[in-house]
Structures are given as C-alpha cells and as structure tokens.
C-alpha atoms as a PDB file:
ATOM      1  CA  MET A   1      -1.146   7.104 -10.810  1.00  0.00           C
ATOM      2  CA  THR A   2      -1.314   3.528 -12.259  1.00  0.00           C
ATOM      3  CA  THR A   3      -3.035   1.770 -14.852  1.00  0.00           C
ATOM      4  CA  ASP A   4      -4.273  -1.763 -15.153  1.00  0.00           C
ATOM      5  CA  SER A   5      -7.222  -2.972 -17.359  1.00  0.00           C
ATOM      6  CA  GLY A   6     -10.050  -4.149 -15.339  1.00  0.00           C
ATOM      7  CA  ALA A   7     -12.017  -5.396 -18.105  1.00  0.00           C
ATOM      8  CA  SER A   8     -12.586  -8.893 -18.858  1.00  0.00           C
ATOM      9  CA  LYS A   9     -15.114 -10.617 -20.818  1.00  0.00           C
ATOM     10  CA  THR A  10     -17.191 -13.937 -20.906  1.00  0.00           C
ATOM     11  CA  GLY A  11     -18.462 -14.405 -24.375  1.00  0.00           C
ATOM     12  CA  THR A  12     -19.419 -10.842 -25.300  1.00  0.00           C
ATOM     13  CA  LYS A  13     -20.671  -9.766 -21.876  1.00  0.00           C
ATOM     14  CA  ARG A  14     -18.233  -7.907 -19.578  1.00  0.00           C
ATOM     15  CA  LYS A  15     -18.023  -9.223 -16.056  1.00  0.00           C
ATOM     16  CA  THR A  16     -18.599  -6.935 -13.176  1.00  0.00           C
ATOM     17  CA  LEU A  17     -15.982  -6.174 -10.731  1.00  0.00           C
ATOM     18  CA  ASP A  18     -17.632  -8.310  -8.082  1.00  0.00           C
ATOM     19  CA  ALA A  19     -17.879 -11.353 -10.506  1.00  0.00           C
ATOM     20  CA  TYR A  20     -14.285 -10.809 -11.577  1.00  0.00           C
ATOM     21  CA  PHE A  21     -13.203 -10.833  -7.933  1.00  0.00           C
ATOM     22  CA  GLY A  22     -15.235 -13.777  -7.031  1.00  0.00           C
ATOM     23  CA  SER A  23     -13.977 -16.005  -9.848  1.00  0.00           C
ATOM     24  CA  LYS A  24     -10.395 -15.616  -9.360  1.00  0.00           C
ATOM     25  CA  PRO A  25      -8.221 -16.514  -6.313  1.00  0.00           C
ATOM     26  CA  ALA A  26      -5.990 -13.760  -4.770  1.00  0.00           C
ATOM     27  CA  LYS A  27      -2.579 -13.792  -6.363  1.00  0.00           C
ATOM     28  CA  THR A  28       0.130 -14.593  -3.638  1.00  0.00           C
ATOM     29  CA  THR A  29       2.961 -12.292  -3.244  1.00  0.00           C
ATOM     30  CA  ARG A  30       6.497 -12.981  -4.057  1.00  0.00           C
ATOM     31  CA  THR A  31       8.811 -14.178  -1.352  1.00  0.00           C
ATOM     32  CA  LEU A  32      11.793 -12.116  -0.282  1.00  0.00           C
ATOM     33  CA  ALA A  33      15.255 -12.963  -1.695  1.00  0.00           C
ATOM     34  CA  ALA A  34      17.713 -14.113   1.027  1.00  0.00           C
ATOM     35  CA  GLY A  35      21.036 -12.520   1.542  1.00  0.00           C
ATOM     36  CA  THR A  36      20.003  -8.947   0.562  1.00  0.00           C
ATOM     37  CA  LEU A  37      21.847  -6.136   2.148  1.00  0.00           C
ATOM     38  CA  SER A  38      19.823  -3.693   4.385  1.00  0.00           C
ATOM     39  CA  PRO A  39      21.388  -0.219   4.368  1.00  0.00           C
ATOM     40  CA  LYS A  40      22.577   0.719   7.890  1.00  0.00           C
ATOM     41  CA  PRO A  41      21.016   3.931   9.184  1.00  0.00           C
ATOM     42  CA  SER A  42      23.546   6.416  10.153  1.00  0.00           C
ATOM     43  CA  GLY A  43      23.479   8.329  13.389  1.00  0.00           C
ATOM     44  CA  SER A  44      21.677   5.447  15.094  1.00  0.00           C
ATOM     45  CA  ASN A  45      23.365   3.117  17.705  1.00  0.00           C
ATOM     46  CA  THR A  46      22.497  -0.295  15.973  1.00  0.00           C
ATOM     47  CA  ASP A  47      24.842  -2.021  18.575  1.00  0.00           C
ATOM     48  CA  SER A  48      22.331  -0.906  21.387  1.00  0.00           C
ATOM     49  CA  VAL A  49      19.627  -3.271  20.025  1.00  0.00           C
ATOM     50  CA  PRO A  50      20.961  -6.916  20.088  1.00  0.00           C
ATOM     51  CA  ALA A  51      20.109  -8.807  16.764  1.00  0.00           C
ATOM     52  CA  GLU A  52      18.491 -11.562  19.032  1.00  0.00           C
ATOM     53  CA  SER A  53      16.011  -8.898  20.419  1.00  0.00           C
ATOM     54  CA  ALA A  54      15.044  -7.615  16.843  1.00  0.00           C
ATOM     55  CA  LYS A  55      14.577 -10.896  15.445  1.00  0.00           C
ATOM     56  CA  GLY A  56      12.664 -12.004  18.438  1.00  0.00           C
ATOM     57  CA  LYS A  57      10.287  -9.066  17.886  1.00  0.00           C
ATOM     58  CA  GLU A  58       9.893  -9.898  14.232  1.00  0.00           C
ATOM     59  CA  THR A  59       9.057 -13.563  15.206  1.00  0.00           C
ATOM     60  CA  GLU A  60       6.435 -12.213  17.519  1.00  0.00           C
ATOM     61  CA  VAL A  61       4.887 -10.048  14.772  1.00  0.00           C
ATOM     62  CA  GLU A  62       4.932 -13.102  12.455  1.00  0.00           C
ATOM     63  CA  LYS A  63       3.057 -15.179  15.001  1.00  0.00           C
ATOM     64  CA  GLU A  64       0.514 -12.415  15.571  1.00  0.00           C
ATOM     65  CA  ALA A  65       0.062 -12.130  11.926  1.00  0.00           C
ATOM     66  CA  GLU A  66      -0.894 -15.641  11.730  1.00  0.00           C
ATOM     67  CA  GLU A  67      -3.645 -15.047  14.485  1.00  0.00           C
ATOM     68  CA  GLU A  68      -4.748 -12.175  12.418  1.00  0.00           C
ATOM     69  CA  LYS A  69      -5.613 -14.513   9.605  1.00  0.00           C
ATOM     70  CA  LYS A  70      -8.316 -16.083  11.515  1.00  0.00           C
ATOM     71  CA  PRO A  71     -11.140 -13.303  11.442  1.00  0.00           C
ATOM     72  CA  GLU A  72     -14.566 -14.279  12.758  1.00  0.00           C
ATOM     73  CA  LEU A  73     -16.630 -14.305   9.406  1.00  0.00           C
ATOM     74  CA  GLU A  74     -19.246 -17.009  10.520  1.00  0.00           C
ATOM     75  CA  SER A  75     -21.726 -14.134  11.101  1.00  0.00           C
ATOM     76  CA  VAL A  76     -21.440 -12.826   7.470  1.00  0.00           C
ATOM     77  CA  SER A  77     -24.652 -13.614   5.649  1.00  0.00           C
ATOM     78  CA  THR A  78     -24.414 -15.239   2.277  1.00  0.00           C
ATOM     79  CA  LYS A  79     -26.093 -12.042   0.735  1.00  0.00           C
ATOM     80  CA  ASP A  80     -23.164  -9.989   2.007  1.00  0.00           C
ATOM     81  CA  ARG A  81     -20.588 -12.385   0.978  1.00  0.00           C
ATOM     82  CA  ASP A  82     -22.157 -12.253  -2.510  1.00  0.00           C
ATOM     83  CA  LEU A  83     -22.398  -8.410  -2.577  1.00  0.00           C
ATOM     84  CA  PHE A  84     -18.950  -8.094  -1.256  1.00  0.00           C
ATOM     85  CA  ALA A  85     -17.392 -10.886  -3.151  1.00  0.00           C
ATOM     86  CA  LEU A  86     -14.482  -8.550  -4.246  1.00  0.00           C
ATOM     87  CA  GLU A  87     -13.559  -7.693  -0.505  1.00  0.00           C
ATOM     88  CA  TYR A  88     -14.015 -11.221   0.978  1.00  0.00           C
ATOM     89  CA  SER A  89     -12.050 -12.773  -1.755  1.00  0.00           C
ATOM     90  CA  THR A  90      -9.129 -10.488  -2.230  1.00  0.00           C
ATOM     91  CA  ILE A  91      -8.526  -8.393   0.943  1.00  0.00           C
ATOM     92  CA  ASP A  92      -6.042 -10.364   3.243  1.00  0.00           C
ATOM     93  CA  PRO A  93      -7.762 -11.982   6.216  1.00  0.00           C
ATOM     94  CA  SER A  94      -5.516  -9.984   8.575  1.00  0.00           C
ATOM     95  CA  TRP A  95      -7.080  -6.745   7.143  1.00  0.00           C
ATOM     96  CA  LEU A  96     -10.706  -8.006   6.966  1.00  0.00           C
ATOM     97  CA  LYS A  97     -10.743  -8.248  10.820  1.00  0.00           C
ATOM     98  CA  HIS A  98     -10.227  -4.351  11.004  1.00  0.00           C
ATOM     99  CA  LEU A  99     -12.184  -3.329   7.745  1.00  0.00           C
ATOM    100  CA  GLN A 100     -15.038  -5.517   7.230  1.00  0.00           C
ATOM    101  CA  GLY A 101     -17.168  -3.350   9.402  1.00  0.00           C
ATOM    102  CA  GLU A 102     -16.966  -0.603   6.662  1.00  0.00           C
ATOM    103  CA  PHE A 103     -18.821  -2.712   4.173  1.00  0.00           C
ATOM    104  CA  SER A 104     -22.266  -2.190   5.985  1.00  0.00           C
ATOM    105  CA  LYS A 105     -21.832   1.613   6.041  1.00  0.00           C
ATOM    106  CA  PRO A 106     -23.898   3.782   3.462  1.00  0.00           C
ATOM    107  CA  TYR A 107     -20.775   5.292   1.982  1.00  0.00           C
ATOM    108  CA  PHE A 108     -19.467   1.815   1.071  1.00  0.00           C
ATOM    109  CA  GLN A 109     -22.770   0.803  -0.336  1.00  0.00           C
ATOM    110  CA  SER A 110     -22.942   3.821  -2.494  1.00  0.00           C
ATOM    111  CA  LEU A 111     -19.221   3.194  -3.694  1.00  0.00           C
ATOM    112  CA  LYS A 112     -20.262  -0.331  -4.637  1.00  0.00           C
ATOM    113  CA  GLN A 113     -23.173   0.896  -6.497  1.00  0.00           C
ATOM    114  CA  PHE A 114     -20.971   3.394  -8.332  1.00  0.00           C
ATOM    115  CA  LEU A 115     -18.355   0.606  -9.306  1.00  0.00           C
ATOM    116  CA  GLN A 116     -21.291  -1.305 -10.700  1.00  0.00           C
ATOM    117  CA  SER A 117     -22.556   1.447 -12.823  1.00  0.00           C
ATOM    118  CA  GLU A 118     -18.922   1.728 -14.195  1.00  0.00           C
ATOM    119  CA  ALA A 119     -18.887  -1.989 -14.997  1.00  0.00           C
ATOM    120  CA  ASN A 120     -22.379  -1.804 -16.512  1.00  0.00           C
ATOM    121  CA  GLY A 121     -21.221   1.096 -18.690  1.00  0.00           C
ATOM    122  CA  LYS A 122     -18.338  -0.879 -19.865  1.00  0.00           C
ATOM    123  CA  LYS A 123     -15.799   1.598 -18.516  1.00  0.00           C
ATOM    124  CA  THR A 124     -12.260   0.537 -18.239  1.00  0.00           C
ATOM    125  CA  VAL A 125     -11.135   0.735 -14.642  1.00  0.00           C
ATOM    126  CA  TYR A 126      -7.706   0.510 -13.239  1.00  0.00           C
ATOM    127  CA  PRO A 127      -6.102  -1.340 -11.539  1.00  0.00           C
ATOM    128  CA  ALA A 128      -7.303  -4.834 -12.726  1.00  0.00           C
ATOM    129  CA  ALA A 129      -9.855  -6.228 -10.321  1.00  0.00           C
ATOM    130  CA  LYS A 130      -7.584  -8.689  -8.666  1.00  0.00           C
ATOM    131  CA  ASP A 131      -5.223  -5.923  -7.776  1.00  0.00           C
ATOM    132  CA  VAL A 132      -7.454  -3.298  -6.135  1.00  0.00           C
ATOM    133  CA  TYR A 133      -6.705  -4.652  -2.667  1.00  0.00           C
ATOM    134  CA  SER A 134      -3.384  -6.190  -3.385  1.00  0.00           C
ATOM    135  CA  TRP A 135      -1.673  -3.822  -0.752  1.00  0.00           C
ATOM    136  CA  SER A 136      -3.282  -5.767   1.884  1.00  0.00           C
ATOM    137  CA  ARG A 137      -1.886  -9.126   0.522  1.00  0.00           C
ATOM    138  CA  PHE A 138       1.615  -7.534  -0.061  1.00  0.00           C
ATOM    139  CA  ALA A 139       1.713  -6.225   3.407  1.00  0.00           C
ATOM    140  CA  PRO A 140      -0.467  -8.202   6.036  1.00  0.00           C
ATOM    141  CA  PHE A 141      -1.728  -6.003   8.958  1.00  0.00           C
ATOM    142  CA  ASN A 142       0.816  -7.232  11.528  1.00  0.00           C
ATOM    143  CA  LYS A 143       3.719  -6.588   9.194  1.00  0.00           C
ATOM    144  CA  VAL A 144       3.196  -2.935   8.465  1.00  0.00           C
ATOM    145  CA  ARG A 145       5.999  -0.777   9.780  1.00  0.00           C
ATOM    146  CA  VAL A 146       6.012   1.935   7.145  1.00  0.00           C
ATOM    147  CA  VAL A 147       3.009   3.790   5.428  1.00  0.00           C
ATOM    148  CA  ILE A 148       3.545   5.903   2.439  1.00  0.00           C
ATOM    149  CA  LEU A 149       0.162   7.657   1.097  1.00  0.00           C
ATOM    150  CA  GLY A 150      -0.430   8.348  -2.590  1.00  0.00           C
ATOM    151  CA  GLN A 151      -3.487   9.837  -3.956  1.00  0.00           C
ATOM    152  CA  ASP A 152      -4.739   8.061  -7.051  1.00  0.00           C
ATOM    153  CA  PRO A 153      -3.960   5.027  -9.088  1.00  0.00           C
ATOM    154  CA  TYR A 154      -2.044   5.476 -12.582  1.00  0.00           C
ATOM    155  CA  HIS A 155      -4.653   5.805 -15.181  1.00  0.00           C
ATOM    156  CA  GLY A 156      -2.681   4.343 -18.265  1.00  0.00           C
ATOM    157  CA  PRO A 157      -2.622   0.850 -19.538  1.00  0.00           C
ATOM    158  CA  GLY A 158      -0.336  -1.822 -17.904  1.00  0.00           C
ATOM    159  CA  GLN A 159       0.779   0.533 -14.964  1.00  0.00           C
ATOM    160  CA  ALA A 160      -1.396   0.158 -11.868  1.00  0.00           C
ATOM    161  CA  HIS A 161      -1.347  -2.895  -9.720  1.00  0.00           C
ATOM    162  CA  GLY A 162      -2.771  -1.635  -6.474  1.00  0.00           C
ATOM    163  CA  LEU A 163       0.450  -0.205  -4.746  1.00  0.00           C
ATOM    164  CA  ALA A 164       0.865   3.489  -4.505  1.00  0.00           C
ATOM    165  CA  PHE A 165       3.741   4.971  -6.573  1.00  0.00           C
ATOM    166  CA  SER A 166       4.559   1.406  -7.955  1.00  0.00           C
ATOM    167  CA  VAL A 167       4.047   0.331 -11.539  1.00  0.00           C
ATOM    168  CA  GLN A 168       4.083  -3.283 -13.082  1.00  0.00           C
ATOM    169  CA  PRO A 169       7.340  -4.903 -14.090  1.00  0.00           C
ATOM    170  CA  GLY A 170       8.410  -3.737 -17.588  1.00  0.00           C
ATOM    171  CA  VAL A 171       6.941  -0.260 -17.265  1.00  0.00           C
ATOM    172  CA  ARG A 172       8.944   2.818 -17.303  1.00  0.00           C
ATOM    173  CA  VAL A 173       9.615   4.382 -13.862  1.00  0.00           C
ATOM    174  CA  PRO A 174       7.173   7.228 -13.269  1.00  0.00           C
ATOM    175  CA  PRO A 175       8.670  10.777 -12.548  1.00  0.00           C
ATOM    176  CA  SER A 176       7.669  10.876  -8.846  1.00  0.00           C
ATOM    177  CA  LEU A 177       9.053   7.436  -8.179  1.00  0.00           C
ATOM    178  CA  ALA A 178      12.329   8.568 -10.103  1.00  0.00           C
ATOM    179  CA  ASN A 179      12.647  11.404  -7.501  1.00  0.00           C
ATOM    180  CA  MET A 180      12.016   8.948  -4.636  1.00  0.00           C
ATOM    181  CA  TYR A 181      14.768   6.867  -5.969  1.00  0.00           C
ATOM    182  CA  LYS A 182      16.988  10.056  -6.093  1.00  0.00           C
ATOM    183  CA  GLY A 183      16.013  10.754  -2.546  1.00  0.00           C
ATOM    184  CA  LEU A 184      17.028   7.211  -1.504  1.00  0.00           C
ATOM    185  CA  ALA A 185      20.492   7.875  -3.282  1.00  0.00           C
ATOM    186  CA  ARG A 186      20.942  11.055  -1.273  1.00  0.00           C
ATOM    187  CA  ASP A 187      20.263   9.099   1.985  1.00  0.00           C
ATOM    188  CA  TYR A 188      22.299   6.030   1.181  1.00  0.00           C
ATOM    189  CA  PRO A 189      24.896   7.293  -1.396  1.00  0.00           C
ATOM    190  CA  GLU A 190      27.075   4.164  -1.179  1.00  0.00           C
ATOM    191  CA  ASP A 191      24.444   1.638  -0.598  1.00  0.00           C
ATOM    192  CA  PHE A 192      21.359   2.430  -2.777  1.00  0.00           C
ATOM    193  CA  LYS A 193      21.373   1.721  -6.352  1.00  0.00           C
ATOM    194  CA  ALA A 194      18.368   2.768  -8.374  1.00  0.00           C
ATOM    195  CA  PRO A 195      16.563  -0.095 -10.451  1.00  0.00           C
ATOM    196  CA  LYS A 196      15.675   0.333 -13.909  1.00  0.00           C
ATOM    197  CA  HIS A 197      12.078  -0.555 -13.185  1.00  0.00           C
ATOM    198  CA  GLY A 198       9.358   0.878 -10.946  1.00  0.00           C
ATOM    199  CA  TYR A 199       7.923  -2.418  -9.381  1.00  0.00           C
ATOM    200  CA  LEU A 200       7.802  -1.823  -5.487  1.00  0.00           C
ATOM    201  CA  GLY A 201       6.653  -5.165  -4.387  1.00  0.00           C
ATOM    202  CA  GLY A 202      10.003  -5.776  -2.537  1.00  0.00           C
ATOM    203  CA  TRP A 203       9.175  -2.847  -0.353  1.00  0.00           C
ATOM    204  CA  ALA A 204       5.633  -3.803   0.298  1.00  0.00           C
ATOM    205  CA  GLU A 205       6.647  -7.389   1.188  1.00  0.00           C
ATOM    206  CA  GLN A 206       8.635  -6.047   4.098  1.00  0.00           C
ATOM    207  CA  GLY A 207       5.762  -4.158   5.671  1.00  0.00           C
ATOM    208  CA  VAL A 208       5.802  -0.887   3.678  1.00  0.00           C
ATOM    209  CA  LEU A 209       1.979   0.017   3.023  1.00  0.00           C
ATOM    210  CA  LEU A 210       1.870   1.724  -0.172  1.00  0.00           C
ATOM    211  CA  LEU A 211      -1.657   3.080  -0.093  1.00  0.00           C
ATOM    212  CA  ASN A 212      -3.579   5.319  -2.427  1.00  0.00           C
ATOM    213  CA  ALA A 213      -6.454   7.413  -1.116  1.00  0.00           C
ATOM    214  CA  ALA A 214      -8.655   6.252  -4.020  1.00  0.00           C
ATOM    215  CA  LEU A 215      -8.240   2.657  -4.932  1.00  0.00           C
ATOM    216  CA  THR A 216      -9.661   2.683  -8.482  1.00  0.00           C
ATOM    217  CA  VAL A 217      -9.710   5.262 -11.485  1.00  0.00           C
ATOM    218  CA  GLU A 218     -11.236   5.207 -14.862  1.00  0.00           C
ATOM    219  CA  ALA A 219      -8.849   5.008 -17.676  1.00  0.00           C
ATOM    220  CA  HIS A 220      -7.083   8.116 -18.841  1.00  0.00           C
ATOM    221  CA  LYS A 221      -9.038  10.134 -16.394  1.00  0.00           C
ATOM    222  CA  ALA A 222      -7.102  11.256 -13.321  1.00  0.00           C
ATOM    223  CA  ASN A 223      -9.021  11.385 -10.007  1.00  0.00           C
ATOM    224  CA  SER A 224     -12.233  10.165 -11.858  1.00  0.00           C
ATOM    225  CA  HIS A 225     -13.075   8.009  -8.855  1.00  0.00           C
ATOM    226  CA  ALA A 226     -12.232  10.610  -6.046  1.00  0.00           C
ATOM    227  CA  GLY A 227     -15.022  11.527  -3.784  1.00  0.00           C
ATOM    228  CA  ARG A 228     -16.975   8.497  -4.417  1.00  0.00           C
ATOM    229  CA  GLY A 229     -16.181   6.804  -1.071  1.00  0.00           C
ATOM    230  CA  TRP A 230     -12.657   5.325  -1.319  1.00  0.00           C
ATOM    231  CA  GLU A 231     -11.351   8.192   0.728  1.00  0.00           C
ATOM    232  CA  GLN A 232     -13.259   7.218   3.786  1.00  0.00           C
ATOM    233  CA  PHE A 233     -12.355   3.527   3.337  1.00  0.00           C
ATOM    234  CA  THR A 234      -8.776   4.273   3.239  1.00  0.00           C
ATOM    235  CA  ASP A 235      -9.125   6.668   6.097  1.00  0.00           C
ATOM    236  CA  ALA A 236     -10.216   3.589   8.196  1.00  0.00           C
ATOM    237  CA  VAL A 237      -7.272   1.689   6.970  1.00  0.00           C
ATOM    238  CA  ILE A 238      -4.987   4.467   8.454  1.00  0.00           C
ATOM    239  CA  ALA A 239      -7.027   4.644  11.477  1.00  0.00           C
ATOM    240  CA  ALA A 240      -6.535   0.903  12.035  1.00  0.00           C
ATOM    241  CA  VAL A 241      -2.908   0.985  11.703  1.00  0.00           C
ATOM    242  CA  ASN A 242      -2.687   4.041  14.019  1.00  0.00           C
ATOM    243  CA  LYS A 243      -4.730   2.345  16.665  1.00  0.00           C
ATOM    244  CA  ALA A 244      -3.476  -1.269  16.423  1.00  0.00           C
ATOM    245  CA  ARG A 245       0.091  -1.147  15.034  1.00  0.00           C
ATOM    246  CA  PRO A 246       3.036  -0.096  17.197  1.00  0.00           C
ATOM    247  CA  HIS A 247       5.784   2.168  16.252  1.00  0.00           C
ATOM    248  CA  VAL A 248       4.796   2.868  12.509  1.00  0.00           C
ATOM    249  CA  VAL A 249       6.547   5.352  10.277  1.00  0.00           C
ATOM    250  CA  PHE A 250       4.218   7.477   8.397  1.00  0.00           C
ATOM    251  CA  MET A 251       5.551   9.321   5.255  1.00  0.00           C
ATOM    252  CA  LEU A 252       3.242  12.218   4.489  1.00  0.00           C
ATOM    253  CA  TRP A 253       4.248  13.922   1.244  1.00  0.00           C
ATOM    254  CA  GLY A 254       2.381  16.904   0.074  1.00  0.00           C
ATOM    255  CA  SER A 255      -0.468  18.650   1.682  1.00  0.00           C
ATOM    256  CA  TYR A 256      -2.998  16.167   0.593  1.00  0.00           C
ATOM    257  CA  ALA A 257      -1.251  13.287   2.384  1.00  0.00           C
ATOM    258  CA  GLN A 258      -0.612  15.527   5.407  1.00  0.00           C
ATOM    259  CA  LYS A 259      -4.171  16.291   5.718  1.00  0.00           C
ATOM    260  CA  LYS A 260      -5.134  12.502   5.430  1.00  0.00           C
ATOM    261  CA  GLY A 261      -2.735  11.544   8.030  1.00  0.00           C
ATOM    262  CA  ALA A 262      -3.382  14.517  10.426  1.00  0.00           C
ATOM    263  CA  HIS A 263      -4.946  12.334  12.925  1.00  0.00           C
ATOM    264  CA  VAL A 264      -2.031   9.842  13.414  1.00  0.00           C
ATOM    265  CA  ASP A 265      -0.804   9.766  17.038  1.00  0.00           C
ATOM    266  CA  LYS A 266       2.588  11.348  16.973  1.00  0.00           C
ATOM    267  CA  ASN A 267       3.292  10.046  20.420  1.00  0.00           C
ATOM    268  CA  LYS A 268       3.058   6.548  19.367  1.00  0.00           C
ATOM    269  CA  HIS A 269       4.398   6.670  15.772  1.00  0.00           C
ATOM    270  CA  LEU A 270       6.839   8.645  13.725  1.00  0.00           C
ATOM    271  CA  VAL A 271       5.222  11.062  11.306  1.00  0.00           C
ATOM    272  CA  LEU A 272       7.491  12.474   8.497  1.00  0.00           C
ATOM    273  CA  LYS A 273       6.363  15.445   6.513  1.00  0.00           C
ATOM    274  CA  SER A 274       7.721  16.835   3.060  1.00  0.00           C
ATOM    275  CA  VAL A 275       6.660  18.135  -0.111  1.00  0.00           C
ATOM    276  CA  HIS A 276       5.532  15.692  -2.815  1.00  0.00           C
ATOM    277  CA  PRO A 277       8.203  13.721  -4.866  1.00  0.00           C
ATOM    278  CA  SER A 278       6.451  15.151  -8.072  1.00  0.00           C
ATOM    279  CA  PRO A 279       8.773  17.110 -10.581  1.00  0.00           C
ATOM    280  CA  LEU A 280       6.590  20.198  -9.685  1.00  0.00           C
ATOM    281  CA  SER A 281       7.676  20.318  -6.055  1.00  0.00           C
ATOM    282  CA  ALA A 282      10.366  17.601  -5.136  1.00  0.00           C
ATOM    283  CA  SER A 283      13.131  20.434  -5.604  1.00  0.00           C
ATOM    284  CA  ARG A 284      11.435  22.323  -2.752  1.00  0.00           C
ATOM    285  CA  GLY A 285      12.837  19.993  -0.044  1.00  0.00           C
ATOM    286  CA  PHE A 286      11.965  16.371  -0.917  1.00  0.00           C
ATOM    287  CA  PHE A 287      15.440  15.311  -1.881  1.00  0.00           C
ATOM    288  CA  ASP A 288      17.045  16.682   1.432  1.00  0.00           C
ATOM    289  CA  ALA A 289      14.291  15.458   3.643  1.00  0.00           C
ATOM    290  CA  GLY A 290      15.979  12.139   4.422  1.00  0.00           C
ATOM    291  CA  HIS A 291      12.838  10.171   5.121  1.00  0.00           C
ATOM    292  CA  PHE A 292      14.018   6.830   4.157  1.00  0.00           C
ATOM    293  CA  ARG A 293      17.040   7.065   6.458  1.00  0.00           C
ATOM    294  CA  LYS A 294      15.064   8.612   9.218  1.00  0.00           C
ATOM    295  CA  ALA A 295      12.438   5.734   8.904  1.00  0.00           C
ATOM    296  CA  ASN A 296      15.237   3.219   9.289  1.00  0.00           C
ATOM    297  CA  ASP A 297      16.806   5.088  12.317  1.00  0.00           C
ATOM    298  CA  TYR A 298      13.390   5.020  14.152  1.00  0.00           C
ATOM    299  CA  LEU A 299      12.697   1.294  13.359  1.00  0.00           C
ATOM    300  CA  VAL A 300      16.358   0.352  14.669  1.00  0.00           C
ATOM    301  CA  LYS A 301      15.732   2.171  17.871  1.00  0.00           C
ATOM    302  CA  GLN A 302      12.426   0.439  18.366  1.00  0.00           C
ATOM    303  CA  GLY A 303      14.171  -2.814  18.059  1.00  0.00           C
ATOM    304  CA  LEU A 304      12.655  -3.496  14.693  1.00  0.00           C
ATOM    305  CA  GLU A 305      14.431  -4.456  11.549  1.00  0.00           C
ATOM    306  CA  PRO A 306      15.147  -1.593   9.147  1.00  0.00           C
ATOM    307  CA  ILE A 307      13.614  -1.687   5.666  1.00  0.00           C
ATOM    308  CA  ASP A 308      15.980  -2.960   2.782  1.00  0.00           C
ATOM    309  CA  TRP A 309      15.291  -0.239   0.377  1.00  0.00           C
ATOM    310  CA  ASN A 310      17.553  -2.001  -2.129  1.00  0.00           C
ATOM    311  CA  HIS A 311      15.387  -4.920  -2.174  1.00  0.00           C
ATOM    312  CA  LEU A 312      13.515  -4.236  -5.336  1.00  0.00           C
ATOM    313  CA  PRO A 313      13.347  -7.459  -7.528  1.00  0.00           C
ATOM    314  CA  GLU A 314      11.398  -7.344 -10.742  1.00  0.00           C
END
C-alpha cells in the first residue's frame, strides 16, 4: 500500500487526473551512483561468464531500449491523445509500444470513466497523478530483469509513488518492506545493509519492475480501486514481459501474486514463489526463501549483471 495526494487545484476547481497528467512532464528518474558494490551470488560460477560478455549483453539491451523509445504513434487520433493524455504523457515510450493497444478495449474505457468520476467527486486518489505509471519510467521495457508483484498502492498521505512496496523518501519503512530487508540480510549477511528508508528507486533503475496489480487507490481505503480494470491492464504488462523479454526473474509472493503470475513461461524465465513478506505470513518461509540471492544467481548464469540490492539511495 502507498499514498500520494493526487488532488491539485486551479482556482477552486480540482483538476481531473487526465488534466493533471497532460499539464506536467514526466519526472525523469535518478541516475545510478557509480562505484556501488554488487553482492556476489554464492553458489554461482561467476568466472564462467566473462565480464566482457555480460557488459556486451547489457550494452545490447541499452541499444534495444533506445529503439523501443520510438513507438509508432502517428496513427493515434487527436481525440484519443486527449482522452488518454495521462497515459501518453507519462508511460515510458518503450512500454507504450506494448500497451497502447489496451487503451481501446472496453475495460480500459470503463476504468477511465471510473477515475473521472472519482475526480469529479473530489476523491483523494493515490499515488499522485504524475506517479501512477512511474514504474514504466524507472524501468524501461528493455531493462526489465526482475519483476516483483504487489497488490495495492499504499493509501496513506505521502507514501505511494508508483512502485510496489516502495514509499517516498522520508517515510517510515513499511512492515512488509522491513521484512524484505530482513530477507536480504539473510541472503547477504556480510554485504547487505538495510537502509533507514523505504525508497526503492535504486532497485527499479536497475530493471526491477515493482508492479502493483491495481495502480491507484482512494485515500484510506485499501483495495478501493480493485476490480475496476487495473488488474487486466497489469496482466497485459506481465504478458508483455513474459513474451518479449528474455530471462526475467518473477518473484511471486503470496497466493494473489502467484495466481497473477500463473501464466509466466517457466521454460523461459525463473519463477520464484514464497509466502508474502507481510508480518502475518513472513515467518512461514519468506525469510528462508533466498529469492534475492537466487535471482542474482540466475541472472549471472544468463550472462547478465546481478542486481545491486545495496543500491538504495534516498
């Protein structure tokens, strides 16, 4: 769960979500700090993958990402550009190529109408408008190497910013994320140092897709936007990664995430399952699942750079 006030005003009239998105440019993500230490996965033969090979693959991915940023949008009508100003102005172009076909489907039209009614009713919606699709800008499509699925944005003020399990800088670390940090400390007892914050932008910028099933929520009402269409849209996000990205690690924590990721191709990707890291279930196997280390072991074996789980600048 996360929170961000999506309400803004011009005079006394509250802007709609679409107007808000259309009026502000997408915020660029932070750049990775140089010289950070990537934890070395134990049990994997890192010497068997030359550094030049891994670097070469990463360079190829970056080149592909640049190509992905050139979606064919000329055919989009002015009417649709206006209706979906939120999407066209804030979803990273690399993702638009795979997702814009969803916009014309009945479920998405209904979702947009629902969000409009929430705005008209002056409901406070989280995260802030500029952050609903921030996951796409933090992790462009051809950088995605790990997918971690959440369920619902945080619904308190100042928390949510569009990345599952992550909160804005300065916000207390949520319980589930605190347990994720404990799991990392088990995986890397000598290397991982839990930060005092819960801002996960440093992971997302490395290609960790932190995706909630529902992308918005009404303030103080958990799961209030569930069943409105977001789940079908985020299913399309998962399907695109499953189909068009190679060798991705899917971390499916809890029965909800496991059901949502049930169609991931296990012959093509690594699927890791465990109980949810919430205080209610984490003690039943999450801490000993070793998912963070297993993810890096797998990436290294595929000739890819491991995730630097220590890279969490605030």
